[in-house]
């Protein structure tokens, strides 16, 4: 790879990591830090691959996994060819997504910009405070503000979504007239 192309790839990676797609790591946006044991860029496929203890941090939100592939759209043609915006992020192996309010664990997570959706699958556990929900697939339509959890018949949940929910004590006391 020529020095010019290498520098363009590094610049594109830096620009790509601040695009709206990866900004979904944290609702409030801001700069993104990515780290891992190794990094590889493929100019032909417009992908960057992070391996080993990968961590993507933005504001107070964190995505961790063994392996993360970030796909980009093409940024142009000919001399102007480069890396465009992030179109897809795929995390595999020991996936954790942590915010101040929630922790989600799964085997894989895929964010697709075209439909602004995050799908986490494989023994999914969602924790919010003391509340816990488990299933085999969680689908979050980020822009729409909706989330769905389901479970496969052969899963450890035996085809059922399970939850342990603790009512908000303040709301429970108000409802009881206390």
C-alpha atoms as a PDB file:
ATOM      1  CA  UNK A   1       0.000   0.000   0.000  1.00  0.00           C
ATOM      2  CA  UNK A   2       1.395   3.405  -0.869  1.00  0.00           C
ATOM      3  CA  UNK A   3       2.026   5.982   1.835  1.00  0.00           C
ATOM      4  CA  UNK A   4      -0.760   8.162   0.402  1.00  0.00           C
ATOM      5  CA  UNK A   5      -3.297   5.308   0.568  1.00  0.00           C
ATOM      6  CA  UNK A   6      -2.137   4.283   4.034  1.00  0.00           C
ATOM      7  CA  UNK A   7      -2.556   7.824   5.378  1.00  0.00           C
ATOM      8  CA  UNK A   8      -5.947   8.080   3.664  1.00  0.00           C
ATOM      9  CA  UNK A   9      -7.033   4.818   5.315  1.00  0.00           C
ATOM     10  CA  UNK A  10      -5.902   5.986   8.755  1.00  0.00           C
ATOM     11  CA  UNK A  11      -7.691   9.320   8.245  1.00  0.00           C
ATOM     12  CA  UNK A  12     -10.839   7.520   7.044  1.00  0.00           C
ATOM     13  CA  UNK A  13     -10.803   5.268  10.082  1.00  0.00           C
ATOM     14  CA  UNK A  14     -10.598   8.283  12.374  1.00  0.00           C
ATOM     15  CA  UNK A  15     -13.372  10.061  10.497  1.00  0.00           C
ATOM     16  CA  UNK A  16     -15.454   6.888  10.225  1.00  0.00           C
ATOM     17  CA  UNK A  17     -15.332   6.287  13.953  1.00  0.00           C
ATOM     18  CA  UNK A  18     -16.992   9.615  14.607  1.00  0.00           C
ATOM     19  CA  UNK A  19     -19.800   9.044  12.119  1.00  0.00           C
ATOM     20  CA  UNK A  20     -23.421   8.852  13.275  1.00  0.00           C
ATOM     21  CA  UNK A  21     -23.503   5.053  13.052  1.00  0.00           C
ATOM     22  CA  UNK A  22     -20.872   4.501  15.681  1.00  0.00           C
ATOM     23  CA  UNK A  23     -22.222   7.464  17.632  1.00  0.00           C
ATOM     24  CA  UNK A  24     -25.001   5.061  18.617  1.00  0.00           C
ATOM     25  CA  UNK A  25     -22.620   3.595  21.203  1.00  0.00           C
ATOM     26  CA  UNK A  26     -23.750   6.551  23.326  1.00  0.00           C
ATOM     27  CA  UNK A  27     -26.960   8.521  22.788  1.00  0.00           C
ATOM     28  CA  UNK A  28     -25.219  11.818  23.495  1.00  0.00           C
ATOM     29  CA  UNK A  29     -22.483  11.283  20.874  1.00  0.00           C
ATOM     30  CA  UNK A  30     -18.978  12.656  21.273  1.00  0.00           C
ATOM     31  CA  UNK A  31     -15.535  11.270  20.463  1.00  0.00           C
ATOM     32  CA  UNK A  32     -15.055   7.498  20.156  1.00  0.00           C
ATOM     33  CA  UNK A  33     -12.098   5.493  21.451  1.00  0.00           C
ATOM     34  CA  UNK A  34     -11.469   2.022  20.008  1.00  0.00           C
ATOM     35  CA  UNK A  35      -8.797  -0.358  21.251  1.00  0.00           C
ATOM     36  CA  UNK A  36      -7.861  -3.981  20.757  1.00  0.00           C
ATOM     37  CA  UNK A  37      -4.901  -6.331  20.536  1.00  0.00           C
ATOM     38  CA  UNK A  38      -4.700  -5.906  16.747  1.00  0.00           C
ATOM     39  CA  UNK A  39      -6.246  -3.890  13.911  1.00  0.00           C
ATOM     40  CA  UNK A  40      -6.456  -4.605  10.182  1.00  0.00           C
ATOM     41  CA  UNK A  41      -7.878  -2.416   7.394  1.00  0.00           C
ATOM     42  CA  UNK A  42      -9.061  -3.879   4.078  1.00  0.00           C
ATOM     43  CA  UNK A  43      -9.303  -1.118   1.463  1.00  0.00           C
ATOM     44  CA  UNK A  44     -11.061  -3.355  -1.066  1.00  0.00           C
ATOM     45  CA  UNK A  45     -13.799  -4.470   1.321  1.00  0.00           C
ATOM     46  CA  UNK A  46     -13.831  -1.107   3.173  1.00  0.00           C
ATOM     47  CA  UNK A  47     -13.662  -2.862   6.521  1.00  0.00           C
ATOM     48  CA  UNK A  48     -11.609  -2.496   9.629  1.00  0.00           C
ATOM     49  CA  UNK A  49     -11.190  -5.520  11.855  1.00  0.00           C
ATOM     50  CA  UNK A  50     -10.310  -5.279  15.520  1.00  0.00           C
ATOM     51  CA  UNK A  51      -9.219  -8.457  17.344  1.00  0.00           C
ATOM     52  CA  UNK A  52      -8.650  -9.377  20.980  1.00  0.00           C
ATOM     53  CA  UNK A  53     -10.239  -7.639  23.952  1.00  0.00           C
ATOM     54  CA  UNK A  54     -11.834  -5.009  21.721  1.00  0.00           C
ATOM     55  CA  UNK A  55     -13.370  -2.049  23.473  1.00  0.00           C
ATOM     56  CA  UNK A  56     -15.358   0.793  21.902  1.00  0.00           C
ATOM     57  CA  UNK A  57     -15.996   3.653  24.322  1.00  0.00           C
ATOM     58  CA  UNK A  58     -18.065   6.769  23.776  1.00  0.00           C
ATOM     59  CA  UNK A  59     -19.021   9.057  26.632  1.00  0.00           C
ATOM     60  CA  UNK A  60     -20.117   6.703  29.429  1.00  0.00           C
ATOM     61  CA  UNK A  61     -21.138   3.830  27.114  1.00  0.00           C
ATOM     62  CA  UNK A  62     -18.925   0.852  26.344  1.00  0.00           C
ATOM     63  CA  UNK A  63     -19.054  -2.045  23.850  1.00  0.00           C
ATOM     64  CA  UNK A  64     -16.675  -4.945  24.503  1.00  0.00           C
ATOM     65  CA  UNK A  65     -16.126  -8.088  22.416  1.00  0.00           C
ATOM     66  CA  UNK A  66     -13.446 -10.520  21.265  1.00  0.00           C
ATOM     67  CA  UNK A  67     -13.766  -9.420  17.617  1.00  0.00           C
ATOM     68  CA  UNK A  68     -15.285  -6.320  15.948  1.00  0.00           C
ATOM     69  CA  UNK A  69     -15.663  -5.642  12.219  1.00  0.00           C
ATOM     70  CA  UNK A  70     -16.638  -2.123  11.142  1.00  0.00           C
ATOM     71  CA  UNK A  71     -17.888  -1.783   7.549  1.00  0.00           C
ATOM     72  CA  UNK A  72     -17.879   1.477   5.617  1.00  0.00           C
ATOM     73  CA  UNK A  73     -19.646   2.775   2.511  1.00  0.00           C
ATOM     74  CA  UNK A  74     -17.486   3.848  -0.396  1.00  0.00           C
ATOM     75  CA  UNK A  75     -16.441   7.464  -0.061  1.00  0.00           C
ATOM     76  CA  UNK A  76     -16.074   8.249  -3.776  1.00  0.00           C
ATOM     77  CA  UNK A  77     -14.551   7.182  -7.085  1.00  0.00           C
ATOM     78  CA  UNK A  78     -11.141   7.429  -8.771  1.00  0.00           C
ATOM     79  CA  UNK A  79      -8.653   9.724  -7.042  1.00  0.00           C
ATOM     80  CA  UNK A  80     -11.322  10.695  -4.503  1.00  0.00           C
ATOM     81  CA  UNK A  81     -12.015   7.076  -3.517  1.00  0.00           C
ATOM     82  CA  UNK A  82     -11.962   6.645   0.219  1.00  0.00           C
ATOM     83  CA  UNK A  83     -13.789   5.339   3.216  1.00  0.00           C
ATOM     84  CA  UNK A  84     -17.302   6.647   3.705  1.00  0.00           C
ATOM     85  CA  UNK A  85     -19.584   6.511   6.685  1.00  0.00           C
ATOM     86  CA  UNK A  86     -19.957   3.449   8.883  1.00  0.00           C
ATOM     87  CA  UNK A  87     -22.726   1.182   7.568  1.00  0.00           C
ATOM     88  CA  UNK A  88     -22.446  -1.823   9.885  1.00  0.00           C
ATOM     89  CA  UNK A  89     -20.719  -2.877  13.090  1.00  0.00           C
ATOM     90  CA  UNK A  90     -20.495  -6.565  13.980  1.00  0.00           C
ATOM     91  CA  UNK A  91     -19.171  -7.709  17.359  1.00  0.00           C
ATOM     92  CA  UNK A  92     -18.649 -11.393  18.157  1.00  0.00           C
ATOM     93  CA  UNK A  93     -17.514 -13.363  21.180  1.00  0.00           C
ATOM     94  CA  UNK A  94     -18.231 -12.327  24.763  1.00  0.00           C
ATOM     95  CA  UNK A  95     -20.198  -9.246  23.759  1.00  0.00           C
ATOM     96  CA  UNK A  96     -21.026  -6.743  26.485  1.00  0.00           C
ATOM     97  CA  UNK A  97     -22.746  -3.398  26.018  1.00  0.00           C
ATOM     98  CA  UNK A  98     -22.716  -1.264  29.155  1.00  0.00           C
ATOM     99  CA  UNK A  99     -24.356   2.100  29.848  1.00  0.00           C
ATOM    100  CA  UNK A 100     -25.003   3.751  33.222  1.00  0.00           C
ATOM    101  CA  UNK A 101     -28.547   2.297  33.143  1.00  0.00           C
ATOM    102  CA  UNK A 102     -28.169  -1.072  31.364  1.00  0.00           C
ATOM    103  CA  UNK A 103     -25.864  -4.006  30.802  1.00  0.00           C
ATOM    104  CA  UNK A 104     -26.492  -6.386  27.893  1.00  0.00           C
ATOM    105  CA  UNK A 105     -24.544  -9.599  27.374  1.00  0.00           C
ATOM    106  CA  UNK A 106     -24.684 -11.848  24.317  1.00  0.00           C
ATOM    107  CA  UNK A 107     -22.622 -13.850  21.841  1.00  0.00           C
ATOM    108  CA  UNK A 108     -22.992 -11.491  18.863  1.00  0.00           C
ATOM    109  CA  UNK A 109     -24.160  -7.943  18.236  1.00  0.00           C
ATOM    110  CA  UNK A 110     -24.820  -6.335  14.854  1.00  0.00           C
ATOM    111  CA  UNK A 111     -25.636  -2.664  14.311  1.00  0.00           C
ATOM    112  CA  UNK A 112     -26.986  -1.804  10.848  1.00  0.00           C
ATOM    113  CA  UNK A 113     -27.166   1.877  10.000  1.00  0.00           C
ATOM    114  CA  UNK A 114     -29.659   1.526   7.133  1.00  0.00           C
ATOM    115  CA  UNK A 115     -32.436   0.542   9.542  1.00  0.00           C
ATOM    116  CA  UNK A 116     -30.818   1.948  12.723  1.00  0.00           C
ATOM    117  CA  UNK A 117     -31.146  -1.442  14.413  1.00  0.00           C
ATOM    118  CA  UNK A 118     -28.987  -3.340  16.905  1.00  0.00           C
ATOM    119  CA  UNK A 119     -29.486  -7.120  17.139  1.00  0.00           C
ATOM    120  CA  UNK A 120     -27.844  -8.968  20.028  1.00  0.00           C
ATOM    121  CA  UNK A 121     -28.129 -12.751  19.970  1.00  0.00           C
ATOM    122  CA  UNK A 122     -27.013 -15.917  21.726  1.00  0.00           C
ATOM    123  CA  UNK A 123     -27.912 -16.299  25.415  1.00  0.00           C
ATOM    124  CA  UNK A 124     -28.829 -12.638  25.823  1.00  0.00           C
ATOM    125  CA  UNK A 125     -29.080 -11.198  29.329  1.00  0.00           C
ATOM    126  CA  UNK A 126     -30.337  -7.642  29.842  1.00  0.00           C
ATOM    127  CA  UNK A 127     -29.919  -6.026  33.264  1.00  0.00           C
ATOM    128  CA  UNK A 128     -31.356  -2.705  34.380  1.00  0.00           C
ATOM    129  CA  UNK A 129     -30.824  -2.067  38.068  1.00  0.00           C
ATOM    130  CA  UNK A 130     -32.100  -5.217  39.812  1.00  0.00           C
ATOM    131  CA  UNK A 131     -34.331  -6.129  36.837  1.00  0.00           C
ATOM    132  CA  UNK A 132     -33.071  -8.997  34.643  1.00  0.00           C
ATOM    133  CA  UNK A 133     -34.451 -10.314  31.335  1.00  0.00           C
ATOM    134  CA  UNK A 134     -33.081 -13.192  29.271  1.00  0.00           C
ATOM    135  CA  UNK A 135     -33.714 -14.700  25.857  1.00  0.00           C
ATOM    136  CA  UNK A 136     -31.804 -15.623  22.729  1.00  0.00           C
ATOM    137  CA  UNK A 137     -32.262 -12.461  20.651  1.00  0.00           C
ATOM    138  CA  UNK A 138     -32.782  -8.800  21.458  1.00  0.00           C
ATOM    139  CA  UNK A 139     -33.715  -6.418  18.637  1.00  0.00           C
ATOM    140  CA  UNK A 140     -33.494  -2.696  19.377  1.00  0.00           C
ATOM    141  CA  UNK A 141     -34.851  -0.267  16.775  1.00  0.00           C
ATOM    142  CA  UNK A 142     -32.854   2.659  18.094  1.00  0.00           C
ATOM    143  CA  UNK A 143     -34.544   5.547  16.285  1.00  0.00           C
ATOM    144  CA  UNK A 144     -38.016   4.115  16.878  1.00  0.00           C
ATOM    145  CA  UNK A 145     -37.280   3.538  20.562  1.00  0.00           C
ATOM    146  CA  UNK A 146     -38.592  -0.048  20.533  1.00  0.00           C
ATOM    147  CA  UNK A 147     -37.022  -3.273  21.798  1.00  0.00           C
ATOM    148  CA  UNK A 148     -38.079  -6.894  21.331  1.00  0.00           C
ATOM    149  CA  UNK A 149     -36.703 -10.009  23.027  1.00  0.00           C
ATOM    150  CA  UNK A 150     -37.413 -13.563  21.893  1.00  0.00           C
ATOM    151  CA  UNK A 151     -36.106 -17.075  22.612  1.00  0.00           C
ATOM    152  CA  UNK A 152     -35.436 -20.105  20.425  1.00  0.00           C
ATOM    153  CA  UNK A 153     -37.037 -23.433  21.413  1.00  0.00           C
ATOM    154  CA  UNK A 154     -33.650 -25.180  21.811  1.00  0.00           C
ATOM    155  CA  UNK A 155     -32.131 -22.429  23.962  1.00  0.00           C
ATOM    156  CA  UNK A 156     -31.231 -22.542  27.626  1.00  0.00           C
ATOM    157  CA  UNK A 157     -34.503 -20.608  28.145  1.00  0.00           C
ATOM    158  CA  UNK A 158     -36.389 -23.458  26.420  1.00  0.00           C
ATOM    159  CA  UNK A 159     -38.105 -21.091  23.996  1.00  0.00           C
ATOM    160  CA  UNK A 160     -39.254 -18.599  26.596  1.00  0.00           C
ATOM    161  CA  UNK A 161     -38.275 -15.043  27.372  1.00  0.00           C
ATOM    162  CA  UNK A 162     -37.818 -14.764  31.128  1.00  0.00           C
ATOM    163  CA  UNK A 163     -37.730 -11.723  33.378  1.00  0.00           C
ATOM    164  CA  UNK A 164     -37.400 -10.879  37.044  1.00  0.00           C
ATOM    165  CA  UNK A 165     -38.789  -7.385  37.550  1.00  0.00           C
ATOM    166  CA  UNK A 166     -38.707  -5.279  40.685  1.00  0.00           C
ATOM    167  CA  UNK A 167     -41.396  -2.592  40.856  1.00  0.00           C
ATOM    168  CA  UNK A 168     -40.152   0.923  41.451  1.00  0.00           C
ATOM    169  CA  UNK A 169     -40.608   1.386  45.228  1.00  0.00           C
ATOM    170  CA  UNK A 170     -41.447   5.084  44.868  1.00  0.00           C
ATOM    171  CA  UNK A 171     -44.201   4.366  42.318  1.00  0.00           C
ATOM    172  CA  UNK A 172     -45.466   1.388  44.374  1.00  0.00           C
ATOM    173  CA  UNK A 173     -45.729   3.584  47.495  1.00  0.00           C
ATOM    174  CA  UNK A 174     -47.593   6.310  45.556  1.00  0.00           C
ATOM    175  CA  UNK A 175     -50.029   3.737  44.154  1.00  0.00           C
ATOM    176  CA  UNK A 176     -50.618   2.398  47.685  1.00  0.00           C
ATOM    177  CA  UNK A 177     -51.278   5.929  48.971  1.00  0.00           C
ATOM    178  CA  UNK A 178     -48.130   6.114  51.140  1.00  0.00           C
END
